[in-house]
Amino acid sequence: MPVSDALSSEDEQLYTLHGMWCTSCALAVEGSLKRLEGVREVSVHYPSAALCISGMPAAIQLSTLAPKVKRLGYRLTELEPVADAHARLEAESRYLMLRLMVGSLFGMWTMLASILIYAGALPSEQVERVVAWVSGAFSLPVVLFAGLPFYQAGWRTLLAKRPGMDVLVSLGVIGAVMVSVWLLWRGSAEVYFDTAVMLIVLLLVGRLVETLCRHRGLKALDALALPDVNIKVWHAERWLSMPVADVATGMRIELAPGELVALDGTLEEPGWIDTASLTGESLPRHFQAGQKVYAGCRYLGAAPLVMQVSAGVGKRRLDRLRDEMRRYQAKKGELQKLADRFAAWLSPLALVLALLTLPVALLFGLGWEDAFVRALSVLVVACPCAVGLAVPLASLAGSGLAMQQGIALRDPAALETLARIRSVALDKTGTLTTGSHTVLHWQAREGVDELTLQRKLSAAVVGSEHPLAQALARWAGSQYDQRTEQCLEVIDTPGEGRRVQFSSGEWLMVGSASWLARQQIALPSQAEDATLAFASQVMVADEAGWLATLYLTDQPVDDAEPSVKRLLASGYVVAMISGDRQGAVSWLGERVGLAREACYAQRSPEAKARLLQGLPSPTLYVGDGLNDTLSLAAADVGIAPLSASEAAREGAAAQLMTPGIGGVVKLLSIAKRTRRIMVQNLFFSALYNTLALGLVVLMAIPPLVAVLAMAASSLTVTLNAARLAWAEPES
């Protein structure tokens, strides 16, 4: 079969993987499935428990994969609904909390007994041995119950031939207990029960925090789900209230003014629809009968509107967007793949080193007791606190500095990726712009001043639902006086204009140039300015003919231009991707300093995400609307501005708490400084790790010295990370 035919016959599936305990479990399943014939690529996303697999259709079917996954101790199912994912994570949280409570309660007494022995606070060796036995007794519930998940995960990863950190933890705990029992049996009080307890409790705390973060991450998907409401449905020759989930394709539903459209469908009559949430268009559109409307839009008309359903719950465009978002989440970027490759050999290397220590120590003439203690020390030192604290502490300090600058980081781990960003993509409406139109320029026939024009307009646009009319009303201000300018008749032509008859006998027409032309209004050459073709144009006419032309635009936020220029000067590839029309996008790009080829207009949410993936990676996306959630997921890091929708906020790794986009520039600077601290911390901890491993292999390290060394290494990285917190905020 030709290569092209083979590739075209491949498929891609998304499943939910149950029973994972950590990222090592994800790597173990990945490694096992990659070895299967017919499978091309496998990606397991631990935070969302999603497995994305591509290959030949027969090889990636659930019925084929589930038995193989089950043999490893996990369970594979169809992609679970978001509500089920919440329930699963809540169960995991309770599972962890119970074990953490047991570990903390009994571990506290184990640690207290060990401290008394290490500090020499007990009166005699006999008492020390009794306290050591008590320490061991209190450690049993921690080791046998609280630590059970680590042993299970370690065994499963061994079965998959991909041993991870859980194998080291399990061996460290079991080794500490066995050596301690051996020492107690020989009459020594120098036990290591506290080491076993500390490993389990600290790692349980980390897993619990991780699970809570995963729970919060699902809120991005929640925000893409429309509420389960009752809607009006034409059934049995009358209008009935019915749950949205029960409405089938082909049924007719009624939309109330201002109501959120809950289902995809086609309109049976014309009406104003705000599509900004899905398209990013800065202006609502007037839809004609027969045009398709998608769930997530909002009906802006004054009277009820009827539409025929074309897609029910689960089949809507919004549902497809949510599934696509989960697919993007499940796939890994190059940095994550690199980290996975590093983790794949790190644990086996530490395990081999610990196993070699025992025979080497015996060859150098040490006794079995000393040799076991040194091998155990190598296992413990292989996972020192300094390494565990190096990145999280710097990340925490960087997050605090970002908060001082008005940037809330929902995912502090994103700082690592932010420091390596190469491309910055910006949405237009609501991100680079204020989101509401203002009058940019106006021109009128000779003899008409601004005050006269404002007075006439303020009376003509009163009560209009059109956003441009509302913008004109804001520009006209309080010039409208109902006592002198009463409207006797208002004739609206939706989407084109309106004619207003005043009590004084005068009339005024406000609308598009084409509409005025159809009303037999002659438009002189000065009525239009070709240099302002990018703006939304509104023309005004009275009995004497053309009166004025006004040009309105969605203005950029105050710091848009300096922020974009700073990004470009820093070497980032900067692009603007919008669903708005080309003229408005090009004009805004010129205003903020972007080249025309860097401005992409009229892009759907799916097209935005595809375009984003074509930019140099890692990528950063800044967007505020429902239509941006897919791009926020497709980007390596997503940022939501102050005015962002709930869906965008939940799907972003960071949110700006101040107006504008200046926070993006600040956050990138903070991320680079944070990464420098991370690298320094990793160097310090690696240096400690190297020296400590060398010392434990060459000589016996007393437990008290080991504790002090561990504290010193942790203090080093803590103080270094604190430099970020002490740093002066940028102006």
Foldseek 3Di string as FASTA:
>chain_A
DDPVVQVVQKDKAKKAKPDDQDVLLQLLLQLLLCPDPFWDHWFQQVLQRMIMTMGHPVCPDCVNSQVVSVVLPMGIGHHDDLVVSLVRLVVVLVLLVVLLVLLVVLLVLLVVLLVCLVVVVDDDLVVLLVSLVSSLVSLVCNLVPSLVSLVSNQSSSVVSVQGFVSVLLNCLLVLQSVLQVVCSVVSGSQGRSNLNSVSRNVVSVVSSVSSVLSSLLSVLLVLLADDFAWFWWCDPNDTDTDTQQPDDAFTKTKAAAFDFAAAKWFWQAWFWKAPCQFQVALFIDIDGGGDIDFGGITTHDHGMTMTGGHDGPCGTPSNVLSVLLVVLSRDDDPVVVVVSVVRRVLVVVLVVLLVVLLVVCVVVPDDNSLSSLLSSLSSSLSDFVLLVCLQVLLLVLLQLLLVVVQKHFSASVCLQQLLVAFAEEEEPAVAQFVSAKAWPDKDWPPPDDPLNVLLVLLLQLPPPSGRVSVNSNVVSDPSHDCVQWPWPDWDDDPPFWIKTQTPVRKIKIKGDPVVVVVVVADDDPVQDDPVLVLFDKMWMAIPVGTTMITTMARGGPPCQQVQVVVCVVVNHHYAYARLYDLSNQQVSCVVNPHDSVRYHYNAGLVRLLVVQVVDDPQYEYEDAHNSCLSNCSSHSFYEYECNHDSSSVSSGSMYRRDPHDNSSVQSSVSSNVSVVLSVVSNVLSVVLSVVSSVDSSVDPDRPVNVVVSSVVSNVVSNVSSCVSNVDDRDD
